[in-house]
Protein backbone atom coordinates (compact mmCIF):
# COMPACT_ATOMS: atom_id res chain seq x y z
CA ASP A 1 223.49 -70.58 81.86
CA ASP A 2 221.39 -72.79 79.64
CA ASP A 3 224.34 -73.30 77.51
CA ASP A 4 226.73 -74.79 80.22
CA ASP A 5 224.79 -78.13 80.53
CA ASP A 6 228.11 -79.65 79.10
CA ASP A 7 230.21 -77.94 81.83
CA VAL A 8 230.70 -81.26 83.58
CA TYR A 9 233.70 -83.44 84.65
CA PRO A 10 236.20 -83.73 82.88
CA PHE A 11 235.87 -79.84 82.46
CA HIS A 12 237.37 -78.42 79.24
CA GLY A 13 240.03 -75.80 79.25
CA PHE A 14 241.34 -72.78 77.43
CA ASP A 15 244.71 -71.12 77.34
CA SER A 16 245.52 -67.44 77.40
CA SER A 17 244.79 -67.00 73.78
CA ASN A 18 241.54 -68.74 74.29
CA ASP A 19 242.46 -71.87 72.39
CA ARG A 20 240.84 -75.33 73.76
CA ILE A 21 243.44 -77.42 75.45
CA GLY A 22 241.22 -80.39 76.23
CA PRO A 23 239.73 -82.02 79.35
CA CYS A 24 241.22 -81.16 82.82
CA ASP A 25 242.26 -84.84 83.58
CA ALA A 26 244.39 -85.10 80.59
CA PHE A 27 245.72 -81.64 81.24
CA TRP A 28 246.68 -82.49 84.86
CA GLU A 29 248.14 -85.72 83.60
CA ARG A 30 250.57 -83.67 81.22
CA VAL A 31 251.29 -81.44 84.32
CA LEU A 32 252.07 -84.51 86.46
CA LYS A 33 254.36 -86.03 83.66
CA LYS A 34 256.27 -82.85 83.51
CA ARG A 35 256.46 -83.06 87.32
CA ALA A 36 257.65 -86.91 87.41
CA GLU A 37 260.85 -85.47 85.23
CA ASP A 38 261.05 -82.54 87.46
CA LYS A 39 258.87 -83.05 90.41
CA LYS A 40 258.23 -79.37 91.47
CA LEU A 41 257.90 -78.06 87.84
CA TRP A 42 254.46 -76.73 88.12
CA TYR A 43 254.73 -75.26 91.47
CA ARG A 44 258.34 -74.04 90.94
CA GLN A 45 257.12 -71.94 87.92
CA GLY A 46 254.38 -70.58 89.99
CA ILE A 47 256.89 -69.60 93.04
CA GLU A 48 259.41 -68.20 90.64
CA TYR A 49 256.73 -66.27 88.84
CA TRP A 50 255.59 -64.80 92.31
CA SER A 51 258.99 -64.11 93.52
CA THR A 52 259.35 -61.50 90.87
CA VAL A 53 256.25 -59.74 92.02
CA ASP A 54 256.51 -56.67 94.13
CA ALA A 55 255.48 -57.40 97.74
CA THR A 56 252.54 -54.76 97.65
CA VAL A 57 248.93 -55.03 97.51
CA ASP A 58 249.09 -53.74 93.99
CA GLY A 59 251.60 -56.32 93.09
CA VAL A 60 249.70 -59.29 94.53
CA LEU A 61 246.54 -58.28 93.06
CA GLY A 62 248.01 -57.95 89.48
CA GLY A 63 247.71 -54.06 89.50
CA PHE A 64 244.02 -54.20 90.82
CA GLY A 65 245.26 -52.70 94.28
CA SER A 66 242.41 -50.33 94.23
CA VAL A 67 239.89 -53.26 94.94
CA SER A 68 241.50 -54.19 98.15
CA LYS A 69 239.46 -51.97 100.46
CA ALA A 70 235.95 -52.96 98.83
CA ASP A 71 237.10 -56.55 99.14
CA GLY A 72 237.89 -56.19 102.72
CA LYS A 73 234.31 -54.61 103.40
CA GLU A 74 232.64 -57.48 101.47
CA ASN A 75 234.55 -60.05 103.51
CA GLU A 76 233.14 -58.37 106.75
CA GLN A 77 229.79 -58.73 105.29
CA ILE A 78 230.12 -62.23 104.40
CA LEU A 79 231.45 -63.01 107.86
CA ARG A 80 228.60 -61.04 109.33
CA THR A 81 225.75 -62.71 107.00
CA MET A 82 227.05 -65.96 106.06
CA VAL A 83 229.32 -67.31 108.52
CA TYR A 84 228.45 -66.07 111.68
CA PRO A 85 225.06 -64.44 111.54
CA GLU A 86 223.99 -65.13 114.94
CA PHE A 87 227.36 -63.39 116.47
CA ASP A 88 227.21 -59.68 117.32
CA PHE A 89 230.53 -58.05 116.21
CA GLY A 90 229.55 -54.79 117.48
CA VAL A 91 230.24 -51.97 115.29
CA ALA A 92 233.02 -51.39 112.70
CA ASP A 93 236.01 -49.69 114.52
CA GLY A 94 238.53 -48.36 111.92
CA ALA A 95 241.71 -49.76 112.05
CA ASN A 96 240.87 -52.14 115.13
CA GLY A 97 238.18 -53.85 112.93
CA CYS A 98 235.11 -54.22 115.41
CA THR A 99 234.36 -53.61 118.90
CA ASN A 100 233.71 -57.20 119.64
CA LYS A 101 236.33 -59.68 118.26
CA ILE A 102 235.04 -63.35 118.00
CA GLU A 103 237.13 -65.76 120.23
CA LYS A 104 237.97 -68.05 117.26
CA ARG A 105 241.01 -68.75 115.45
CA ALA A 106 241.43 -68.14 111.65
CA LEU A 107 243.95 -69.43 108.95
CA ASP A 108 244.86 -67.16 106.25
CA VAL A 109 245.82 -69.51 103.20
CA GLY A 110 248.04 -68.40 100.35
CA ALA A 111 248.14 -64.96 102.29
CA GLY A 112 250.55 -63.16 99.94
CA VAL A 113 251.69 -59.85 102.01
CA GLY A 114 248.78 -60.43 104.55
CA ARG A 115 246.28 -58.48 102.75
CA VAL A 116 243.43 -60.40 103.80
CA SER A 117 244.71 -60.71 107.32
CA SER A 118 245.20 -56.92 107.59
CA THR A 119 242.22 -55.54 106.04
CA PHE A 120 239.74 -58.38 107.75
CA LEU A 121 240.90 -61.26 109.51
CA THR A 122 242.94 -59.68 112.42
CA LYS A 123 240.16 -57.19 113.03
CA PHE A 124 237.37 -59.86 113.53
CA PHE A 125 239.09 -62.95 115.09
CA ALA A 126 240.91 -62.96 118.14
CA SER A 127 243.74 -65.33 116.64
CA VAL A 128 244.92 -65.52 113.28
CA ASP A 129 247.86 -67.73 111.48
CA LEU A 130 249.18 -67.12 108.07
CA LEU A 131 250.28 -69.43 105.38
CA GLU A 132 252.25 -68.42 102.42
CA PRO A 133 255.12 -69.96 100.38
CA VAL A 134 256.79 -67.19 98.78
CA GLN A 135 259.46 -65.91 101.03
CA HIS A 136 259.50 -62.16 100.27
CA PHE A 137 255.51 -61.90 100.62
CA ILE A 138 255.53 -63.38 104.24
CA GLU A 139 258.49 -61.27 105.21
CA LYS A 140 256.41 -57.99 104.25
CA ALA A 141 253.32 -59.56 106.02
CA ARG A 142 255.34 -60.26 109.15
CA ALA A 143 256.80 -56.66 108.97
CA THR A 144 253.32 -55.19 108.72
CA LEU A 145 251.29 -57.18 110.75
CA LYS A 146 253.70 -58.27 113.58
CA ASP A 147 251.99 -59.84 116.66
CA LYS A 148 248.72 -59.38 115.14
CA VAL A 149 249.30 -62.58 113.65
CA GLN A 150 250.32 -65.69 115.94
CA ASN A 151 251.94 -68.06 113.51
CA TYR A 152 253.57 -67.12 110.13
CA PHE A 153 254.03 -70.48 108.10
CA GLU A 154 256.44 -69.89 105.20
CA GLU A 155 255.30 -73.32 103.59
CA SER A 156 253.75 -74.36 100.33
CA LEU A 157 249.79 -75.01 100.32
CA GLU A 158 250.24 -78.44 98.70
CA GLU A 159 252.86 -79.53 101.37
CA PHE A 160 251.49 -77.79 104.43
CA SER A 161 250.91 -80.37 107.36
CA PHE A 162 248.31 -79.44 109.99
CA ASP A 163 249.61 -82.37 111.86
CA GLY A 164 252.07 -81.64 114.94
CA LYS A 165 251.15 -78.16 115.11
CA GLU A 166 248.14 -78.69 117.49
CA LEU A 167 246.11 -76.09 115.63
CA VAL A 168 242.61 -76.61 114.77
CA TYR A 169 240.78 -73.74 113.11
CA ASP A 170 237.42 -72.30 113.15
CA VAL A 171 237.65 -70.76 109.86
CA ILE A 172 240.04 -71.45 107.02
CA TRP A 173 240.17 -68.49 104.67
CA ILE A 174 241.29 -69.28 101.01
CA GLN A 175 241.12 -66.33 98.65
CA TRP A 176 242.88 -65.71 95.22
CA CYS A 177 245.61 -68.43 95.40
CA ILE A 178 243.82 -72.04 94.85
CA GLY A 179 244.31 -71.71 91.09
CA GLN A 180 247.87 -72.53 91.83
CA LEU A 181 246.99 -76.02 92.92
CA SER A 182 246.14 -79.15 90.85
CA ASP A 183 242.91 -80.71 91.42
CA ALA A 184 244.40 -83.62 93.39
CA ASP A 185 246.39 -81.42 95.81
CA PHE A 186 243.47 -78.84 96.15
CA ILE A 187 241.08 -81.97 97.04
CA ASP A 188 243.84 -83.22 99.59
CA LEU A 189 244.28 -79.68 101.24
CA LEU A 190 240.42 -79.54 101.96
CA LYS A 191 240.37 -83.13 103.18
CA ARG A 192 243.30 -82.56 105.60
CA ALA A 193 242.42 -79.17 106.78
CA LYS A 194 241.99 -78.99 110.34
CA VAL A 195 238.79 -77.21 110.87
CA LYS A 196 236.27 -77.72 113.78
CA GLU A 197 233.20 -79.84 113.47
CA ASP A 198 231.28 -76.44 113.66
CA GLY A 199 233.93 -74.48 111.61
CA PHE A 200 233.90 -73.29 108.03
CA ILE A 201 236.39 -73.27 105.30
CA VAL A 202 235.81 -70.30 103.06
CA VAL A 203 236.65 -70.08 99.42
CA LYS A 204 236.72 -66.92 97.57
CA GLU A 205 238.05 -67.09 94.13
CA ASN A 206 237.67 -66.08 90.46
CA ASN A 207 235.13 -68.00 88.39
CA CYS A 208 235.37 -68.34 84.66
CA SER A 209 231.87 -68.92 82.86
CA LYS A 210 232.87 -72.50 81.82
CA GLY A 211 235.38 -75.12 82.22
CA PHE A 212 238.90 -73.65 83.31
CA HIS A 213 241.21 -71.03 82.03
CA TRP A 214 245.07 -71.82 82.02
CA ASP A 215 247.42 -68.96 82.80
CA ASP A 216 251.06 -70.11 81.64
CA GLN A 217 252.44 -67.12 83.11
CA ASP A 218 251.92 -67.96 86.61
CA SER A 219 251.12 -71.60 86.41
CA SER A 220 247.44 -71.27 87.63
CA ILE A 221 243.96 -72.14 86.32
CA THR A 222 240.76 -70.33 86.91
CA ARG A 223 237.96 -72.81 87.59
CA SER A 224 234.30 -72.47 86.57
CA ASP A 225 231.59 -72.52 89.45
CA LYS A 226 230.49 -76.02 88.49
CA TYR A 227 234.17 -77.14 88.57
CA PHE A 228 234.64 -75.75 92.12
CA ARG A 229 231.52 -77.77 93.15
CA TRP A 230 232.78 -80.79 91.86
CA ILE A 231 236.01 -80.09 93.78
CA PHE A 232 233.97 -79.73 96.90
CA GLU A 233 231.91 -82.81 96.18
CA GLN A 234 235.39 -84.89 95.87
CA ALA A 235 236.76 -83.48 99.09
CA GLY A 236 233.34 -84.38 101.13
CA MET A 237 232.51 -80.68 101.53
CA GLU A 238 229.03 -79.32 101.55
CA VAL A 239 228.46 -75.65 100.21
CA VAL A 240 226.27 -74.20 102.94
CA ASN A 241 226.09 -70.53 101.19
CA SER A 242 227.61 -68.94 98.26
CA LYS A 243 227.60 -65.29 96.72
CA VAL A 244 228.88 -63.52 93.66
CA SER A 245 230.76 -60.71 94.43
CA ASP A 246 229.41 -57.09 93.13
CA VAL A 247 232.23 -54.92 94.17
CA PHE A 248 234.88 -55.60 91.32
CA PRO A 249 235.42 -54.12 88.06
CA LYS A 250 233.36 -55.74 85.18
CA GLU A 251 236.34 -56.59 82.89
CA LEU A 252 237.75 -59.03 85.77
CA PHE A 253 236.48 -62.62 85.91
CA ALA A 254 233.76 -62.95 88.28
CA VAL A 255 234.55 -63.54 91.85
CA ARG A 256 232.60 -65.99 94.02
CA THR A 257 232.83 -66.80 97.79
CA TYR A 258 231.69 -70.49 99.09
CA VAL A 259 231.08 -71.07 102.54
CA LEU A 260 231.74 -74.78 103.18
CA ASN A 261 231.73 -77.54 105.79
CA ARG A 262 232.33 -80.92 106.12
CA LYS A 263 229.35 -83.28 105.36
C-alpha cells in the first residue's frame, strides 16, 4: 500500500475497539513492567484463556474449524512448491498423506490439539515433534496422534529449550500462535531454534494491514507484514519465500506464510 510508508519501527498499535494504543516499544515496556510485578502476567493470561477453550479444531480456530481442511491442502502446496520443490513426495494418499514421505524431522510449534500435525506434517515428514503449553490441548493431540508424533513437549514457546534434547530440525513450523509472544521472546525463539543449515522455519500467521492489533482477551497481537519482516531481520533470518493465502474467508485477517532460513 502507498499509505503504509509510515509502517516502520516502532510500529503503532490498535486495541479491539480500534483505538490507538501507541508504539510497540512502549506497549511491550508496559507489558514487561506488569510482568516484573507478576512475571508471568502476559503469558499466564494467555494460557488461562486457552485453558477455557474446547480442545477441538473448532475451539483452537476460534469457531472457524471449517477452514482446517483447506489450510492443510494449502500447507501441502507450500511444502511442495516453496520449501522442497525439488523433492518428489509422490501422490497425495488420503489419510497417509503421500506415497513418499521425506526423511526429515519437523517441529510443530504452538501445536494446539495437533491440527497442523494431523492434517499435514505427519503425512509428509518421517519424524514429527510437537510443542504446546496448554495441557488439555496436548493431551488431545496425544490421544489423536499417538505414535505418529515422536515427542510431545508440554512447554511454553518462550521458555522451550532446544538444548539437551539432541534435536535438530529440518523444518520448524509455526502457525497461528506467535502473536502470543512479545517481540523479544519471538526474536529469541527464532535465534535459538535448532534448525539445520539447509533447513527452514516456516511462519504462517495473520497479518493486519498496518502496525499491530492487540487482543486483550487472549493476550496476543496481530502484526503487519512489515512488522514481521522487521522481527525476522532482528533475528538474523532471511525471507526466502512468502505467500498470501487465498483459501480463507474474506472477513478474517489476511494470512501470510513466510519461509525463512538463517542469513
